[in-house]
């Protein structure tokens, strides 16, 4: 688990954990764009391609 107030990539400040299972979803503040975002932390290895496809789909 990532602790609240942790800053990732000098940009995202973790607010709280939303959900944990095969991945964790956190509420975070994007300090560059001044808005709230959701960040997903995955726990299974070798699945980067699936994660990348999901990110691309959500971005469109």
Protein backbone atom coordinates (compact mmCIF):
# COMPACT_ATOMS: atom_id res chain seq x y z
CA UNK A 1 0.00 0.00 0.00
CA UNK A 2 1.17 3.51 -0.82
CA UNK A 3 0.81 5.81 2.16
CA UNK A 4 -1.26 9.03 1.96
CA UNK A 5 0.77 12.18 1.19
CA UNK A 6 3.34 10.15 -0.80
CA UNK A 7 4.29 12.02 -3.98
CA UNK A 8 4.88 9.90 -7.09
CA UNK A 9 6.89 11.10 -10.09
CA UNK A 10 7.15 14.56 -8.48
CA UNK A 11 3.55 15.08 -9.53
CA UNK A 12 0.87 12.90 -7.91
CA UNK A 13 0.16 13.24 -4.18
CA UNK A 14 -1.70 10.20 -2.82
CA UNK A 15 -4.88 11.13 -0.94
CA UNK A 16 -6.32 7.71 -0.07
CA UNK A 17 -6.76 4.10 -1.16
CA UNK A 18 -10.06 3.47 -3.01
CA UNK A 19 -9.86 -0.28 -3.55
CA UNK A 20 -7.42 -3.17 -3.32
CA UNK A 21 -7.59 -6.57 -5.05
CA UNK A 22 -5.55 -7.69 -8.05
CA UNK A 23 -4.68 -3.99 -8.26
CA UNK A 24 -5.00 -1.00 -5.96
CA UNK A 25 -6.72 2.22 -6.99
CA UNK A 26 -5.79 5.45 -5.26
CA UNK A 27 -7.26 8.94 -5.25
CA UNK A 28 -4.45 11.40 -5.94
CA UNK A 29 -3.97 15.11 -6.56
CA UNK A 30 -2.22 15.95 -9.83
CA UNK A 31 -0.06 18.81 -8.63
CA UNK A 32 0.81 19.98 -12.17
CA UNK A 33 -2.78 20.24 -13.44
CA UNK A 34 -4.44 20.95 -10.06
CA UNK A 35 -7.10 18.26 -10.33
CA UNK A 36 -8.05 14.93 -8.78
CA UNK A 37 -7.10 11.69 -10.55
CA UNK A 38 -7.29 7.95 -9.97
CA UNK A 39 -4.04 5.95 -10.06
CA UNK A 40 -3.93 2.18 -10.49
CA UNK A 41 -1.16 0.04 -9.02
CA UNK A 42 -1.05 -3.48 -10.45
CA UNK A 43 0.41 -6.45 -8.61
CA UNK A 44 0.73 -9.08 -11.33
CA UNK A 45 3.89 -9.24 -13.44
CA UNK A 46 4.12 -9.63 -17.19
CA UNK A 47 0.79 -7.93 -17.84
CA UNK A 48 2.10 -4.54 -18.95
CA UNK A 49 0.65 -4.90 -22.47
CA UNK A 50 -2.88 -5.40 -21.09
CA UNK A 51 -2.43 -2.42 -18.78
CA UNK A 52 -1.12 -0.28 -21.65
CA UNK A 53 -4.16 -1.17 -23.77
CA UNK A 54 -6.48 -0.22 -20.92
CA UNK A 55 -4.73 3.14 -20.49
CA UNK A 56 -4.98 3.89 -24.22
CA UNK A 57 -8.68 2.97 -24.26
CA UNK A 58 -9.45 5.18 -21.26
CA UNK A 59 -7.50 8.08 -22.77
CA UNK A 60 -9.69 8.19 -25.90
